[in-house]
Amino acid sequence: MTATPNQCPAWCDGDHPDGWSGVVHRGEIGRANVGGETVTVVILKTPESPANVTISGPVFVEIHNDDHDDMVRLLTLAGQNQLAALVERAAAMLQEAGR
């Protein structure tokens, strides 16, 4: 890795040094139990892509930034209120940080 400006976003819980290129920024928002499985809501930003909300566990889903509200609504309709709240919180954090 080489030193270049790459400020760590406020939501990132990584222990990598500020100012290094090639860093993956990751912030765990929380966990929910879905169908007996634990799923984790994470904000993830790789050097090649913008920050996105993801759901990971037995499957991995990347939620496009324009689809946060729709995903929250779908999860709520499916009775997954805890997961919906985590996605909503992550989306709000991204918006607050200016993505």
PDB file of N, CA and C in Angstrom:
ATOM      1  N   MET A   1       0.840  -1.178   0.000  1.00  0.00           N
ATOM      2  CA  MET A   1       0.000   0.000   0.000  1.00  0.00           C
ATOM      3  C   MET A   1       0.885   1.241   0.000  1.00  0.00           C
ATOM      4  N   THR A   2       0.369   2.285  -0.606  1.00  0.00           N
ATOM      5  CA  THR A   2       1.102   3.539  -0.644  1.00  0.00           C
ATOM      6  C   THR A   2       0.306   4.621   0.057  1.00  0.00           C
ATOM      7  N   ALA A   3       0.996   5.577   0.612  1.00  0.00           N
ATOM      8  CA  ALA A   3       0.326   6.653   1.335  1.00  0.00           C
ATOM      9  C   ALA A   3      -0.315   7.630   0.359  1.00  0.00           C
ATOM     10  N   THR A   4      -1.616   7.778   0.456  1.00  0.00           N
ATOM     11  CA  THR A   4      -2.372   8.773  -0.302  1.00  0.00           C
ATOM     12  C   THR A   4      -3.537   9.208   0.563  1.00  0.00           C
ATOM     13  N   PRO A   5      -4.069  10.390   0.342  1.00  0.00           N
ATOM     14  CA  PRO A   5      -5.211  10.815   1.147  1.00  0.00           C
ATOM     15  C   PRO A   5      -6.391   9.861   0.961  1.00  0.00           C
ATOM     16  N   ASN A   6      -6.872   9.285   2.033  1.00  0.00           N
ATOM     17  CA  ASN A   6      -7.986   8.344   1.986  1.00  0.00           C
ATOM     18  C   ASN A   6      -8.638   8.338   3.367  1.00  0.00           C
ATOM     19  N   GLN A   7      -9.200   9.473   3.745  1.00  0.00           N
ATOM     20  CA  GLN A   7      -9.728   9.627   5.097  1.00  0.00           C
ATOM     21  C   GLN A   7     -10.729   8.535   5.428  1.00  0.00           C
ATOM     22  N   CYS A   8     -10.596   8.002   6.607  1.00  0.00           N
ATOM     23  CA  CYS A   8     -11.480   6.957   7.094  1.00  0.00           C
ATOM     24  C   CYS A   8     -12.841   7.583   7.426  1.00  0.00           C
ATOM     25  N   PRO A   9     -13.949   7.050   6.866  1.00  0.00           N
ATOM     26  CA  PRO A   9     -15.274   7.596   7.184  1.00  0.00           C
ATOM     27  C   PRO A   9     -15.623   7.387   8.658  1.00  0.00           C
ATOM     28  N   ALA A  10     -16.510   8.231   9.172  1.00  0.00           N
ATOM     29  CA  ALA A  10     -16.900   8.165  10.584  1.00  0.00           C
ATOM     30  C   ALA A  10     -17.503   6.809  10.952  1.00  0.00           C
ATOM     31  N   TRP A  11     -18.161   6.124  10.011  1.00  0.00           N
ATOM     32  CA  TRP A  11     -18.830   4.850  10.305  1.00  0.00           C
ATOM     33  C   TRP A  11     -17.872   3.654  10.271  1.00  0.00           C
ATOM     34  N   CYS A  12     -16.644   3.841   9.847  1.00  0.00           N
ATOM     35  CA  CYS A  12     -15.692   2.736   9.707  1.00  0.00           C
ATOM     36  C   CYS A  12     -15.149   2.315  11.065  1.00  0.00           C
ATOM     37  N   ASP A  13     -15.181   1.001  11.369  1.00  0.00           N
ATOM     38  CA  ASP A  13     -14.591   0.523  12.605  1.00  0.00           C
ATOM     39  C   ASP A  13     -13.275  -0.213  12.377  1.00  0.00           C
ATOM     40  N   GLY A  14     -12.652   0.013  11.255  1.00  0.00           N
ATOM     41  CA  GLY A  14     -11.371  -0.631  10.980  1.00  0.00           C
ATOM     42  C   GLY A  14     -10.261  -0.042  11.826  1.00  0.00           C
ATOM     43  N   ASP A  15      -9.193  -0.798  11.990  1.00  0.00           N
ATOM     44  CA  ASP A  15      -8.046  -0.304  12.747  1.00  0.00           C
ATOM     45  C   ASP A  15      -6.868  -0.023  11.818  1.00  0.00           C
ATOM     46  N   HIS A  16      -7.186   0.257  10.558  1.00  0.00           N
ATOM     47  CA  HIS A  16      -6.146   0.574   9.587  1.00  0.00           C
ATOM     48  C   HIS A  16      -5.728   2.043   9.736  1.00  0.00           C
ATOM     49  N   PRO A  17      -4.523   2.365   9.310  1.00  0.00           N
ATOM     50  CA  PRO A  17      -4.072   3.756   9.437  1.00  0.00           C
ATOM     51  C   PRO A  17      -4.763   4.659   8.428  1.00  0.00           C
ATOM     52  N   ASP A  18      -5.069   5.876   8.855  1.00  0.00           N
ATOM     53  CA  ASP A  18      -5.593   6.881   7.926  1.00  0.00           C
ATOM     54  C   ASP A  18      -4.542   7.178   6.866  1.00  0.00           C
ATOM     55  N   GLY A  19      -4.999   7.522   5.692  1.00  0.00           N
ATOM     56  CA  GLY A  19      -4.090   7.973   4.661  1.00  0.00           C
ATOM     57  C   GLY A  19      -3.466   6.886   3.816  1.00  0.00           C
ATOM     58  N   TRP A  20      -4.000   5.666   3.864  1.00  0.00           N
ATOM     59  CA  TRP A  20      -3.441   4.590   3.050  1.00  0.00           C
ATOM     60  C   TRP A  20      -4.428   4.208   1.968  1.00  0.00           C
ATOM     61  N   SER A  21      -3.945   4.062   0.756  1.00  0.00           N
ATOM     62  CA  SER A  21      -4.819   3.639  -0.333  1.00  0.00           C
ATOM     63  C   SER A  21      -5.008   2.129  -0.266  1.00  0.00           C
ATOM     64  N   GLY A  22      -6.025   1.641  -0.926  1.00  0.00           N
ATOM     65  CA  GLY A  22      -6.269   0.209  -0.968  1.00  0.00           C
ATOM     66  C   GLY A  22      -7.001  -0.316   0.249  1.00  0.00           C
ATOM     67  N   VAL A  23      -7.439   0.563   1.113  1.00  0.00           N
ATOM     68  CA  VAL A  23      -8.100   0.156   2.353  1.00  0.00           C
ATOM     69  C   VAL A  23      -9.574  -0.108   2.096  1.00  0.00           C
ATOM     70  N   VAL A  24     -10.086  -1.186   2.653  1.00  0.00           N
ATOM     71  CA  VAL A  24     -11.515  -1.460   2.642  1.00  0.00           C
ATOM     72  C   VAL A  24     -12.079  -0.909   3.945  1.00  0.00           C
ATOM     73  N   HIS A  25     -13.022   0.005   3.826  1.00  0.00           N
ATOM     74  CA  HIS A  25     -13.675   0.567   5.004  1.00  0.00           C
ATOM     75  C   HIS A  25     -14.905  -0.277   5.303  1.00  0.00           C
ATOM     76  N   ARG A  26     -15.068  -0.636   6.588  1.00  0.00           N
ATOM     77  CA  ARG A  26     -16.167  -1.515   6.996  1.00  0.00           C
ATOM     78  C   ARG A  26     -16.690  -1.055   8.339  1.00  0.00           C
ATOM     79  N   GLY A  27     -18.009  -0.931   8.416  1.00  0.00           N
ATOM     80  CA  GLY A  27     -18.634  -0.575   9.675  1.00  0.00           C
ATOM     81  C   GLY A  27     -19.803  -1.497   9.944  1.00  0.00           C
ATOM     82  N   GLU A  28     -19.706  -2.289  11.004  1.00  0.00           N
ATOM     83  CA  GLU A  28     -20.810  -3.190  11.357  1.00  0.00           C
ATOM     84  C   GLU A  28     -21.873  -2.380  12.092  1.00  0.00           C
ATOM     85  N   ILE A  29     -23.097  -2.436  11.590  1.00  0.00           N
ATOM     86  CA  ILE A  29     -24.203  -1.684  12.167  1.00  0.00           C
ATOM     87  C   ILE A  29     -24.929  -2.511  13.218  1.00  0.00           C
ATOM     88  N   GLY A  30     -25.083  -3.780  12.969  1.00  0.00           N
ATOM     89  CA  GLY A  30     -25.730  -4.649  13.943  1.00  0.00           C
ATOM     90  C   GLY A  30     -26.073  -5.995  13.350  1.00  0.00           C
ATOM     91  N   ARG A  31     -26.656  -6.848  14.208  1.00  0.00           N
ATOM     92  CA  ARG A  31     -27.005  -8.216  13.811  1.00  0.00           C
ATOM     93  C   ARG A  31     -28.458  -8.490  14.130  1.00  0.00           C
ATOM     94  N   ALA A  32     -29.049  -9.345  13.312  1.00  0.00           N
ATOM     95  CA  ALA A  32     -30.436  -9.753  13.526  1.00  0.00           C
ATOM     96  C   ALA A  32     -30.542 -11.252  13.280  1.00  0.00           C
ATOM     97  N   ASN A  33     -31.529 -11.876  13.912  1.00  0.00           N
ATOM     98  CA  ASN A  33     -31.808 -13.290  13.697  1.00  0.00           C
ATOM     99  C   ASN A  33     -32.921 -13.381  12.661  1.00  0.00           C
ATOM    100  N   VAL A  34     -32.629 -14.069  11.570  1.00  0.00           N
ATOM    101  CA  VAL A  34     -33.599 -14.244  10.490  1.00  0.00           C
ATOM    102  C   VAL A  34     -33.691 -15.731  10.182  1.00  0.00           C
ATOM    103  N   GLY A  35     -34.840 -16.313  10.449  1.00  0.00           N
ATOM    104  CA  GLY A  35     -35.039 -17.736  10.158  1.00  0.00           C
ATOM    105  C   GLY A  35     -34.040 -18.637  10.851  1.00  0.00           C
ATOM    106  N   GLY A  36     -33.645 -18.277  12.056  1.00  0.00           N
ATOM    107  CA  GLY A  36     -32.687 -19.094  12.799  1.00  0.00           C
ATOM    108  C   GLY A  36     -31.232 -18.836  12.430  1.00  0.00           C
ATOM    109  N   GLU A  37     -30.982 -17.913  11.532  1.00  0.00           N
ATOM    110  CA  GLU A  37     -29.614 -17.565  11.114  1.00  0.00           C
ATOM    111  C   GLU A  37     -29.296 -16.140  11.551  1.00  0.00           C
ATOM    112  N   THR A  38     -28.051 -15.890  11.870  1.00  0.00           N
ATOM    113  CA  THR A  38     -27.617 -14.532  12.187  1.00  0.00           C
ATOM    114  C   THR A  38     -27.169 -13.842  10.910  1.00  0.00           C
ATOM    115  N   VAL A  39     -27.730 -12.673  10.680  1.00  0.00           N
ATOM    116  CA  VAL A  39     -27.310 -11.851   9.542  1.00  0.00           C
ATOM    117  C   VAL A  39     -26.786 -10.529  10.090  1.00  0.00           C
ATOM    118  N   THR A  40     -25.827  -9.972   9.394  1.00  0.00           N
ATOM    119  CA  THR A  40     -25.162  -8.758   9.830  1.00  0.00           C
ATOM    120  C   THR A  40     -25.369  -7.670   8.790  1.00  0.00           C
ATOM    121  N   VAL A  41     -25.714  -6.478   9.257  1.00  0.00           N
ATOM    122  CA  VAL A  41     -25.819  -5.316   8.376  1.00  0.00           C
ATOM    123  C   VAL A  41     -24.517  -4.537   8.506  1.00  0.00           C
ATOM    124  N   VAL A  42     -23.905  -4.283   7.360  1.00  0.00           N
ATOM    125  CA  VAL A  42     -22.588  -3.660   7.304  1.00  0.00           C
ATOM    126  C   VAL A  42     -22.596  -2.563   6.249  1.00  0.00           C
ATOM    127  N   ILE A  43     -21.883  -1.482   6.531  1.00  0.00           N
ATOM    128  CA  ILE A  43     -21.556  -0.508   5.478  1.00  0.00           C
ATOM    129  C   ILE A  43     -20.172  -0.890   4.991  1.00  0.00           C
ATOM    130  N   LEU A  44     -20.031  -1.008   3.694  1.00  0.00           N
ATOM    131  CA  LEU A  44     -18.785  -1.488   3.101  1.00  0.00           C
ATOM    132  C   LEU A  44     -18.384  -0.560   1.970  1.00  0.00           C
ATOM    133  N   LYS A  45     -17.116  -0.165   1.948  1.00  0.00           N
ATOM    134  CA  LYS A  45     -16.586   0.635   0.848  1.00  0.00           C
ATOM    135  C   LYS A  45     -15.219   0.099   0.472  1.00  0.00           C
ATOM    136  N   THR A  46     -15.116  -0.334  -0.765  1.00  0.00           N
ATOM    137  CA  THR A  46     -13.829  -0.778  -1.290  1.00  0.00           C
ATOM    138  C   THR A  46     -13.220   0.380  -2.083  1.00  0.00           C
ATOM    139  N   PRO A  47     -11.937   0.316  -2.383  1.00  0.00           N
ATOM    140  CA  PRO A  47     -11.320   1.389  -3.171  1.00  0.00           C
ATOM    141  C   PRO A  47     -11.975   1.569  -4.543  1.00  0.00           C
ATOM    142  N   GLU A  48     -12.573   0.503  -5.071  1.00  0.00           N
ATOM    143  CA  GLU A  48     -13.157   0.549  -6.412  1.00  0.00           C
ATOM    144  C   GLU A  48     -14.633   0.929  -6.433  1.00  0.00           C
ATOM    145  N   SER A  49     -15.289   1.019  -5.276  1.00  0.00           N
ATOM    146  CA  SER A  49     -16.737   1.252  -5.292  1.00  0.00           C
ATOM    147  C   SER A  49     -17.153   2.225  -4.201  1.00  0.00           C
ATOM    148  N   PRO A  50     -18.319   2.839  -4.383  1.00  0.00           N
ATOM    149  CA  PRO A  50     -18.830   3.723  -3.334  1.00  0.00           C
ATOM    150  C   PRO A  50     -19.292   2.906  -2.131  1.00  0.00           C
ATOM    151  N   ALA A  51     -19.517   3.581  -1.030  1.00  0.00           N
ATOM    152  CA  ALA A  51     -20.014   2.912   0.173  1.00  0.00           C
ATOM    153  C   ALA A  51     -21.430   2.400  -0.076  1.00  0.00           C
ATOM    154  N   ASN A  52     -21.705   1.185   0.391  1.00  0.00           N
ATOM    155  CA  ASN A  52     -23.014   0.562   0.246  1.00  0.00           C
ATOM    156  C   ASN A  52     -23.397  -0.153   1.522  1.00  0.00           C
ATOM    157  N   VAL A  53     -24.699  -0.262   1.730  1.00  0.00           N
ATOM    158  CA  VAL A  53     -25.221  -1.074   2.819  1.00  0.00           C
ATOM    159  C   VAL A  53     -25.285  -2.510   2.320  1.00  0.00           C
ATOM    160  N   THR A  54     -24.827  -3.438   3.128  1.00  0.00           N
ATOM    161  CA  THR A  54     -24.871  -4.850   2.767  1.00  0.00           C
ATOM    162  C   THR A  54     -25.502  -5.649   3.902  1.00  0.00           C
ATOM    163  N   ILE A  55     -26.081  -6.765   3.533  1.00  0.00           N
ATOM    164  CA  ILE A  55     -26.581  -7.736   4.494  1.00  0.00           C
ATOM    165  C   ILE A  55     -25.777  -9.004   4.232  1.00  0.00           C
ATOM    166  N   SER A  56     -25.141  -9.535   5.279  1.00  0.00           N
ATOM    167  CA  SER A  56     -24.353 -10.749   5.072  1.00  0.00           C
ATOM    168  C   SER A  56     -24.661 -11.768   6.147  1.00  0.00           C
ATOM    169  N   GLY A  57     -24.466 -12.994   5.815  1.00  0.00           N
ATOM    170  CA  GLY A  57     -24.738 -14.134   6.679  1.00  0.00           C
ATOM    171  C   GLY A  57     -24.650 -15.348   5.791  1.00  0.00           C
ATOM    172  N   PRO A  58     -25.711 -16.144   5.757  1.00  0.00           N
ATOM    173  CA  PRO A  58     -25.685 -17.288   4.852  1.00  0.00           C
ATOM    174  C   PRO A  58     -25.726 -16.845   3.383  1.00  0.00           C
ATOM    175  N   VAL A  59     -26.154 -15.612   3.154  1.00  0.00           N
ATOM    176  CA  VAL A  59     -26.135 -15.015   1.812  1.00  0.00           C
ATOM    177  C   VAL A  59     -25.578 -13.604   1.942  1.00  0.00           C
ATOM    178  N   PHE A  60     -25.151 -13.026   0.823  1.00  0.00           N
ATOM    179  CA  PHE A  60     -24.638 -11.661   0.795  1.00  0.00           C
ATOM    180  C   PHE A  60     -25.494 -10.850  -0.160  1.00  0.00           C
ATOM    181  N   VAL A  61     -26.021  -9.720   0.320  1.00  0.00           N
ATOM    182  CA  VAL A  61     -26.837  -8.839  -0.520  1.00  0.00           C
ATOM    183  C   VAL A  61     -26.283  -7.432  -0.398  1.00  0.00           C
ATOM    184  N   GLU A  62     -25.972  -6.825  -1.527  1.00  0.00           N
ATOM    185  CA  GLU A  62     -25.555  -5.432  -1.558  1.00  0.00           C
ATOM    186  C   GLU A  62     -26.768  -4.606  -1.963  1.00  0.00           C
ATOM    187  N   ILE A  63     -27.119  -3.632  -1.141  1.00  0.00           N
ATOM    188  CA  ILE A  63     -28.299  -2.811  -1.411  1.00  0.00           C
ATOM    189  C   ILE A  63     -27.843  -1.527  -2.093  1.00  0.00           C
ATOM    190  N   HIS A  64     -28.271  -1.327  -3.326  1.00  0.00           N
ATOM    191  CA  HIS A  64     -27.917  -0.103  -4.042  1.00  0.00           C
ATOM    192  C   HIS A  64     -28.444   1.102  -3.271  1.00  0.00           C
ATOM    193  N   ASN A  65     -27.719   2.191  -3.312  1.00  0.00           N
ATOM    194  CA  ASN A  65     -28.067   3.364  -2.528  1.00  0.00           C
ATOM    195  C   ASN A  65     -29.463   3.901  -2.833  1.00  0.00           C
ATOM    196  N   ASP A  66     -29.941   3.740  -4.043  1.00  0.00           N
ATOM    197  CA  ASP A  66     -31.286   4.202  -4.399  1.00  0.00           C
ATOM    198  C   ASP A  66     -32.383   3.266  -3.897  1.00  0.00           C
ATOM    199  N   ASP A  67     -32.017   2.115  -3.359  1.00  0.00           N
ATOM    200  CA  ASP A  67     -32.999   1.096  -2.968  1.00  0.00           C
ATOM    201  C   ASP A  67     -33.169   0.913  -1.465  1.00  0.00           C
ATOM    202  N   HIS A  68     -32.538   1.748  -0.661  1.00  0.00           N
ATOM    203  CA  HIS A  68     -32.632   1.573   0.794  1.00  0.00           C
ATOM    204  C   HIS A  68     -34.077   1.591   1.283  1.00  0.00           C
ATOM    205  N   ASP A  69     -34.839   2.591   0.875  1.00  0.00           N
ATOM    206  CA  ASP A  69     -36.228   2.704   1.338  1.00  0.00           C
ATOM    207  C   ASP A  69     -37.058   1.502   0.915  1.00  0.00           C
ATOM    208  N   ASP A  70     -36.868   1.049  -0.309  1.00  0.00           N
ATOM    209  CA  ASP A  70     -37.612  -0.113  -0.795  1.00  0.00           C
ATOM    210  C   ASP A  70     -37.250  -1.371  -0.013  1.00  0.00           C
ATOM    211  N   MET A  71     -35.971  -1.538   0.314  1.00  0.00           N
ATOM    212  CA  MET A  71     -35.550  -2.711   1.083  1.00  0.00           C
ATOM    213  C   MET A  71     -36.132  -2.660   2.494  1.00  0.00           C
ATOM    214  N   VAL A  72     -36.124  -1.485   3.107  1.00  0.00           N
ATOM    215  CA  VAL A  72     -36.702  -1.343   4.447  1.00  0.00           C
ATOM    216  C   VAL A  72     -38.185  -1.698   4.404  1.00  0.00           C
ATOM    217  N   ARG A  73     -38.891  -1.216   3.399  1.00  0.00           N
ATOM    218  CA  ARG A  73     -40.323  -1.517   3.264  1.00  0.00           C
ATOM    219  C   ARG A  73     -40.554  -3.018   3.065  1.00  0.00           C
ATOM    220  N   LEU A  74     -39.759  -3.645   2.196  1.00  0.00           N
ATOM    221  CA  LEU A  74     -39.892  -5.079   1.941  1.00  0.00           C
ATOM    222  C   LEU A  74     -39.635  -5.891   3.208  1.00  0.00           C
ATOM    223  N   LEU A  75     -38.576  -5.559   3.921  1.00  0.00           N
ATOM    224  CA  LEU A  75     -38.262  -6.285   5.149  1.00  0.00           C
ATOM    225  C   LEU A  75     -39.352  -6.101   6.200  1.00  0.00           C
ATOM    226  N   THR A  76     -39.902  -4.912   6.277  1.00  0.00           N
ATOM    227  CA  THR A  76     -41.001  -4.653   7.215  1.00  0.00           C
ATOM    228  C   THR A  76     -42.231  -5.471   6.841  1.00  0.00           C
ATOM    229  N   LEU A  77     -42.566  -5.497   5.555  1.00  0.00           N
ATOM    230  CA  LEU A  77     -43.711  -6.294   5.095  1.00  0.00           C
ATOM    231  C   LEU A  77     -43.507  -7.782   5.388  1.00  0.00           C
ATOM    232  N   ALA A  78     -42.248  -8.226   5.370  1.00  0.00           N
ATOM    233  CA  ALA A  78     -41.931  -9.631   5.642  1.00  0.00           C
ATOM    234  C   ALA A  78     -41.827  -9.921   7.139  1.00  0.00           C
ATOM    235  N   GLY A  79     -42.099  -8.923   7.956  1.00  0.00           N
ATOM    236  CA  GLY A  79     -42.049  -9.128   9.398  1.00  0.00           C
ATOM    237  C   GLY A  79     -40.644  -9.115   9.985  1.00  0.00           C
ATOM    238  N   GLN A  80     -39.667  -8.648   9.222  1.00  0.00           N
ATOM    239  CA  GLN A  80     -38.269  -8.594   9.683  1.00  0.00           C
ATOM    240  C   GLN A  80     -37.950  -7.173  10.161  1.00  0.00           C
ATOM    241  N   ASN A  81     -38.658  -6.758  11.215  1.00  0.00           N
ATOM    242  CA  ASN A  81     -38.557  -5.381  11.695  1.00  0.00           C
ATOM    243  C   ASN A  81     -37.170  -5.036  12.229  1.00  0.00           C
ATOM    244  N   GLN A  82     -36.520  -5.964  12.918  1.00  0.00           N
ATOM    245  CA  GLN A  82     -35.183  -5.694  13.445  1.00  0.00           C
ATOM    246  C   GLN A  82     -34.192  -5.473  12.302  1.00  0.00           C
ATOM    247  N   LEU A  83     -34.257  -6.320  11.294  1.00  0.00           N
ATOM    248  CA  LEU A  83     -33.372  -6.181  10.147  1.00  0.00           C
ATOM    249  C   LEU A  83     -33.682  -4.897   9.384  1.00  0.00           C
ATOM    250  N   ALA A  84     -34.963  -4.593   9.219  1.00  0.00           N
ATOM    251  CA  ALA A  84     -35.367  -3.355   8.543  1.00  0.00           C
ATOM    252  C   ALA A  84     -34.805  -2.134   9.268  1.00  0.00           C
ATOM    253  N   ALA A  85     -34.867  -2.143  10.596  1.00  0.00           N
ATOM    254  CA  ALA A  85     -34.359  -1.016  11.383  1.00  0.00           C
ATOM    255  C   ALA A  85     -32.846  -0.857  11.218  1.00  0.00           C
ATOM    256  N   LEU A  86     -32.131  -1.971  11.126  1.00  0.00           N
ATOM    257  CA  LEU A  86     -30.684  -1.905  10.930  1.00  0.00           C
ATOM    258  C   LEU A  86     -30.334  -1.332   9.561  1.00  0.00           C
ATOM    259  N   VAL A  87     -31.060  -1.756   8.532  1.00  0.00           N
ATOM    260  CA  VAL A  87     -30.824  -1.230   7.183  1.00  0.00           C
ATOM    261  C   VAL A  87     -31.136   0.264   7.158  1.00  0.00           C
ATOM    262  N   GLU A  88     -32.230   0.650   7.791  1.00  0.00           N
ATOM    263  CA  GLU A  88     -32.614   2.062   7.837  1.00  0.00           C
ATOM    264  C   GLU A  88     -31.541   2.894   8.560  1.00  0.00           C
ATOM    265  N   ARG A  89     -31.036   2.363   9.658  1.00  0.00           N
ATOM    266  CA  ARG A  89     -29.981   3.060  10.412  1.00  0.00           C
ATOM    267  C   ARG A  89     -28.711   3.205   9.572  1.00  0.00           C
ATOM    268  N   ALA A  90     -28.318   2.144   8.891  1.00  0.00           N
ATOM    269  CA  ALA A  90     -27.117   2.187   8.052  1.00  0.00           C
ATOM    270  C   ALA A  90     -27.282   3.210   6.927  1.00  0.00           C
ATOM    271  N   ALA A  91     -28.453   3.227   6.297  1.00  0.00           N
ATOM    272  CA  ALA A  91     -28.713   4.180   5.214  1.00  0.00           C
ATOM    273  C   ALA A  91     -28.642   5.616   5.732  1.00  0.00           C
ATOM    274  N   ALA A  92     -29.177   5.846   6.922  1.00  0.00           N
ATOM    275  CA  ALA A  92     -29.133   7.179   7.522  1.00  0.00           C
ATOM    276  C   ALA A  92     -27.683   7.594   7.820  1.00  0.00           C
ATOM    277  N   MET A  93     -26.882   6.655   8.288  1.00  0.00           N
ATOM    278  CA  MET A  93     -25.472   6.945   8.571  1.00  0.00           C
ATOM    279  C   MET A  93     -24.729   7.320   7.293  1.00  0.00           C
ATOM    280  N   LEU A  94     -25.022   6.599   6.214  1.00  0.00           N
ATOM    281  CA  LEU A  94     -24.382   6.929   4.931  1.00  0.00           C
ATOM    282  C   LEU A  94     -24.800   8.302   4.451  1.00  0.00           C
ATOM    283  N   GLN A  95     -26.076   8.592   4.558  1.00  0.00           N
ATOM    284  CA  GLN A  95     -26.577   9.891   4.105  1.00  0.00           C
ATOM    285  C   GLN A  95     -25.966  11.004   4.950  1.00  0.00           C
ATOM    286  N   GLU A  96     -25.893  10.796   6.249  1.00  0.00           N
ATOM    287  CA  GLU A  96     -25.309  11.790   7.150  1.00  0.00           C
ATOM    288  C   GLU A  96     -23.843  12.040   6.824  1.00  0.00           C
ATOM    289  N   ALA A  97     -23.136  10.995   6.448  1.00  0.00           N
ATOM    290  CA  ALA A  97     -21.715  11.104   6.119  1.00  0.00           C
ATOM    291  C   ALA A  97     -21.479  11.625   4.712  1.00  0.00           C
ATOM    292  N   GLY A  98     -22.566  11.823   3.964  1.00  0.00           N
ATOM    293  CA  GLY A  98     -22.412  12.281   2.589  1.00  0.00           C
ATOM    294  C   GLY A  98     -21.937  11.195   1.646  1.00  0.00           C
ATOM    295  N   ARG A  99     -22.204   9.945   2.029  1.00  0.00           N
ATOM    296  CA  ARG A  99     -21.864   8.734   1.293  1.00  0.00           C
ATOM    297  C   ARG A  99     -20.410   8.549   1.292  1.00  0.00           C
TER     298      ARG A  99
END
